[in-house]
Amino acid sequence: MEKRELICIGCPMGCPLTVELEGSEVKSVSGHTCKRGDVYARKEVTNPTRIVTSTVKVTGGSADMVSVKTREDIPKDKIFACVQALKDVVVEAPVHIGDVILSNVAGTGVDIVATKHVL
């Protein structure tokens, strides 16, 4: 049986977690003080995902860049492809919070959205 040690990022507590695996099946999770820790540990060892944040260029606006993020988490192994897809993206002002900047980034089915206004 394999054991993996993690620090939970589900809440500010940062609980030390121990996950016991048999093959790719989670047998037990210990160390969590809330349900989010159990959910995080199971997902992290079987299908890790992350929210990606970045910036893209803006033309004709009050700022040269706008902050963006994935609308939801994407598979961890798609992060580099996501960042590469954003490298040459340029949007024209105005940009509003929630505007879709890039659809279906890196084939994940997840959109990149603006996180601030640029007028």
C-alpha atoms as a PDB file:
ATOM      1  CA  MET A   1       0.000   0.000   0.000  1.00  0.00           C
ATOM      2  CA  GLU A   2       1.342   3.430  -1.000  1.00  0.00           C
ATOM      3  CA  LYS A   3       1.131   6.471   1.309  1.00  0.00           C
ATOM      4  CA  ARG A   4       1.220  10.075   0.109  1.00  0.00           C
ATOM      5  CA  GLU A   5       1.644  13.084   2.361  1.00  0.00           C
ATOM      6  CA  LEU A   6      -0.082  16.351   1.353  1.00  0.00           C
ATOM      7  CA  ILE A   7      -0.856  19.738   2.834  1.00  0.00           C
ATOM      8  CA  CYS A   8      -4.492  20.631   2.287  1.00  0.00           C
ATOM      9  CA  ILE A   9      -5.261  23.840   0.383  1.00  0.00           C
ATOM     10  CA  GLY A  10      -9.041  23.527   0.764  1.00  0.00           C
ATOM     11  CA  CYS A  11      -9.222  26.078   3.597  1.00  0.00           C
ATOM     12  CA  PRO A  12      -6.816  28.257   5.629  1.00  0.00           C
ATOM     13  CA  MET A  13      -6.113  25.493   8.193  1.00  0.00           C
ATOM     14  CA  GLY A  14      -3.479  23.772   6.003  1.00  0.00           C
ATOM     15  CA  CYS A  15      -4.018  20.337   7.520  1.00  0.00           C
ATOM     16  CA  PRO A  16      -1.330  17.694   6.976  1.00  0.00           C
ATOM     17  CA  LEU A  17      -3.034  14.853   5.096  1.00  0.00           C
ATOM     18  CA  THR A  18      -2.085  11.223   4.629  1.00  0.00           C
ATOM     19  CA  VAL A  19      -3.609   9.354   1.705  1.00  0.00           C
ATOM     20  CA  GLU A  20      -3.358   5.587   1.475  1.00  0.00           C
ATOM     21  CA  LEU A  21      -3.629   4.159  -2.027  1.00  0.00           C
ATOM     22  CA  GLU A  22      -3.872   0.670  -3.389  1.00  0.00           C
ATOM     23  CA  GLY A  23      -2.959   1.006  -7.043  1.00  0.00           C
ATOM     24  CA  SER A  24      -4.925   4.049  -8.190  1.00  0.00           C
ATOM     25  CA  GLU A  25      -7.724   3.544  -5.641  1.00  0.00           C
ATOM     26  CA  VAL A  26      -7.871   5.730  -2.523  1.00  0.00           C
ATOM     27  CA  LYS A  27      -8.320   3.486   0.513  1.00  0.00           C
ATOM     28  CA  SER A  28      -8.249   6.156   3.227  1.00  0.00           C
ATOM     29  CA  VAL A  29      -7.579   9.819   3.975  1.00  0.00           C
ATOM     30  CA  SER A  30      -6.542  11.001   7.419  1.00  0.00           C
ATOM     31  CA  GLY A  31      -5.482  14.265   9.019  1.00  0.00           C
ATOM     32  CA  HIS A  32      -8.283  16.477   7.699  1.00  0.00           C
ATOM     33  CA  THR A  33     -10.389  18.561  10.056  1.00  0.00           C
ATOM     34  CA  CYS A  34     -13.164  19.307   7.553  1.00  0.00           C
ATOM     35  CA  LYS A  35     -14.848  17.578   4.613  1.00  0.00           C
ATOM     36  CA  ARG A  36     -12.979  19.780   2.130  1.00  0.00           C
ATOM     37  CA  GLY A  37      -9.723  18.097   3.162  1.00  0.00           C
ATOM     38  CA  ASP A  38     -11.046  14.657   2.323  1.00  0.00           C
ATOM     39  CA  VAL A  39     -12.392  15.847  -1.042  1.00  0.00           C
ATOM     40  CA  TYR A  40      -9.145  17.706  -1.863  1.00  0.00           C
ATOM     41  CA  ALA A  41      -6.915  14.731  -1.015  1.00  0.00           C
ATOM     42  CA  ARG A  42      -8.909  12.254  -3.086  1.00  0.00           C
ATOM     43  CA  LYS A  43      -8.956  14.568  -6.099  1.00  0.00           C
ATOM     44  CA  GLU A  44      -5.295  15.590  -5.777  1.00  0.00           C
ATOM     45  CA  VAL A  45      -3.966  12.025  -5.905  1.00  0.00           C
ATOM     46  CA  THR A  46      -6.300  10.791  -8.665  1.00  0.00           C
ATOM     47  CA  ASN A  47      -6.973  13.822 -10.905  1.00  0.00           C
ATOM     48  CA  PRO A  48      -5.114  17.001  -9.845  1.00  0.00           C
ATOM     49  CA  THR A  49      -6.497  20.275 -11.221  1.00  0.00           C
ATOM     50  CA  ARG A  50      -5.661  23.959 -10.867  1.00  0.00           C
ATOM     51  CA  ILE A  51      -7.055  27.414 -11.621  1.00  0.00           C
ATOM     52  CA  VAL A  52      -4.641  29.233 -13.959  1.00  0.00           C
ATOM     53  CA  THR A  53      -4.149  32.991 -13.679  1.00  0.00           C
ATOM     54  CA  SER A  54      -2.256  35.172 -16.130  1.00  0.00           C
ATOM     55  CA  THR A  55      -2.438  38.399 -18.111  1.00  0.00           C
ATOM     56  CA  VAL A  56      -3.072  39.259 -21.750  1.00  0.00           C
ATOM     57  CA  LYS A  57      -2.264  42.361 -23.787  1.00  0.00           C
ATOM     58  CA  VAL A  58      -4.894  45.061 -24.333  1.00  0.00           C
ATOM     59  CA  THR A  59      -4.932  47.636 -27.129  1.00  0.00           C
ATOM     60  CA  GLY A  60      -6.703  50.995 -27.011  1.00  0.00           C
ATOM     61  CA  GLY A  61      -7.380  50.928 -23.292  1.00  0.00           C
ATOM     62  CA  SER A  62      -6.473  52.618 -20.033  1.00  0.00           C
ATOM     63  CA  ALA A  63      -4.039  49.763 -19.280  1.00  0.00           C
ATOM     64  CA  ASP A  64      -1.715  47.677 -21.450  1.00  0.00           C
ATOM     65  CA  MET A  65      -2.665  44.360 -19.786  1.00  0.00           C
ATOM     66  CA  VAL A  66      -5.710  42.716 -18.253  1.00  0.00           C
ATOM     67  CA  SER A  67      -5.653  39.953 -15.647  1.00  0.00           C
ATOM     68  CA  VAL A  68      -7.353  36.709 -16.639  1.00  0.00           C
ATOM     69  CA  LYS A  69      -8.060  33.275 -15.183  1.00  0.00           C
ATOM     70  CA  THR A  70      -9.625  29.977 -16.092  1.00  0.00           C
ATOM     71  CA  ARG A  71     -13.349  30.015 -15.298  1.00  0.00           C
ATOM     72  CA  GLU A  72     -12.829  26.735 -13.433  1.00  0.00           C
ATOM     73  CA  ASP A  73      -9.968  24.402 -12.688  1.00  0.00           C
ATOM     74  CA  ILE A  74      -8.243  22.496 -15.471  1.00  0.00           C
ATOM     75  CA  PRO A  75      -6.176  19.302 -15.404  1.00  0.00           C
ATOM     76  CA  LYS A  76      -2.721  20.010 -13.990  1.00  0.00           C
ATOM     77  CA  ASP A  77      -1.043  18.537 -17.065  1.00  0.00           C
ATOM     78  CA  LYS A  78      -2.777  21.161 -19.271  1.00  0.00           C
ATOM     79  CA  ILE A  79      -1.337  24.209 -17.435  1.00  0.00           C
ATOM     80  CA  PHE A  80       1.622  24.710 -19.787  1.00  0.00           C
ATOM     81  CA  ALA A  81      -0.601  24.406 -22.886  1.00  0.00           C
ATOM     82  CA  CYS A  82      -3.007  26.920 -21.339  1.00  0.00           C
ATOM     83  CA  VAL A  83      -0.242  29.457 -20.712  1.00  0.00           C
ATOM     84  CA  GLN A  84       1.156  28.900 -24.216  1.00  0.00           C
ATOM     85  CA  ALA A  85      -2.296  29.535 -25.724  1.00  0.00           C
ATOM     86  CA  LEU A  86      -2.453  32.900 -23.924  1.00  0.00           C
ATOM     87  CA  LYS A  87       1.011  34.019 -25.020  1.00  0.00           C
ATOM     88  CA  ASP A  88      -0.064  35.771 -28.238  1.00  0.00           C
ATOM     89  CA  VAL A  89      -3.615  36.794 -27.261  1.00  0.00           C
ATOM     90  CA  VAL A  90      -4.354  40.508 -27.667  1.00  0.00           C
ATOM     91  CA  VAL A  91      -7.776  41.978 -26.871  1.00  0.00           C
ATOM     92  CA  GLU A  92      -9.205  45.365 -27.664  1.00  0.00           C
ATOM     93  CA  ALA A  93     -10.618  47.634 -24.959  1.00  0.00           C
ATOM     94  CA  PRO A  94     -13.092  47.867 -23.396  1.00  0.00           C
ATOM     95  CA  VAL A  95     -12.757  44.654 -21.403  1.00  0.00           C
ATOM     96  CA  HIS A  96     -15.133  43.841 -18.564  1.00  0.00           C
ATOM     97  CA  ILE A  97     -14.917  41.400 -15.663  1.00  0.00           C
ATOM     98  CA  GLY A  98     -16.226  38.042 -16.835  1.00  0.00           C
ATOM     99  CA  ASP A  99     -15.677  38.671 -20.562  1.00  0.00           C
ATOM    100  CA  VAL A 100     -14.540  35.489 -22.310  1.00  0.00           C
ATOM    101  CA  ILE A 101     -11.035  36.148 -23.588  1.00  0.00           C
ATOM    102  CA  LEU A 102     -10.353  32.662 -24.990  1.00  0.00           C
ATOM    103  CA  SER A 103     -12.850  29.804 -25.299  1.00  0.00           C
ATOM    104  CA  ASN A 104     -12.026  26.155 -24.653  1.00  0.00           C
ATOM    105  CA  VAL A 105      -8.404  26.828 -23.729  1.00  0.00           C
ATOM    106  CA  ALA A 106      -6.042  23.975 -24.682  1.00  0.00           C
ATOM    107  CA  GLY A 107      -9.010  21.730 -25.471  1.00  0.00           C
ATOM    108  CA  THR A 108     -10.107  21.628 -21.827  1.00  0.00           C
ATOM    109  CA  GLY A 109     -13.646  22.911 -22.396  1.00  0.00           C
ATOM    110  CA  VAL A 110     -12.853  25.756 -19.974  1.00  0.00           C
ATOM    111  CA  ASP A 111     -12.900  29.445 -20.929  1.00  0.00           C
ATOM    112  CA  ILE A 112     -10.377  32.113 -19.965  1.00  0.00           C
ATOM    113  CA  VAL A 113     -12.184  35.147 -18.510  1.00  0.00           C
ATOM    114  CA  ALA A 114     -11.146  38.683 -17.608  1.00  0.00           C
ATOM    115  CA  THR A 115     -10.852  39.453 -13.890  1.00  0.00           C
ATOM    116  CA  LYS A 116     -10.854  43.260 -14.099  1.00  0.00           C
ATOM    117  CA  HIS A 117     -12.174  46.142 -16.186  1.00  0.00           C
ATOM    118  CA  VAL A 118      -9.981  47.915 -18.718  1.00  0.00           C
ATOM    119  CA  LEU A 119     -11.712  50.842 -20.374  1.00  0.00           C
END
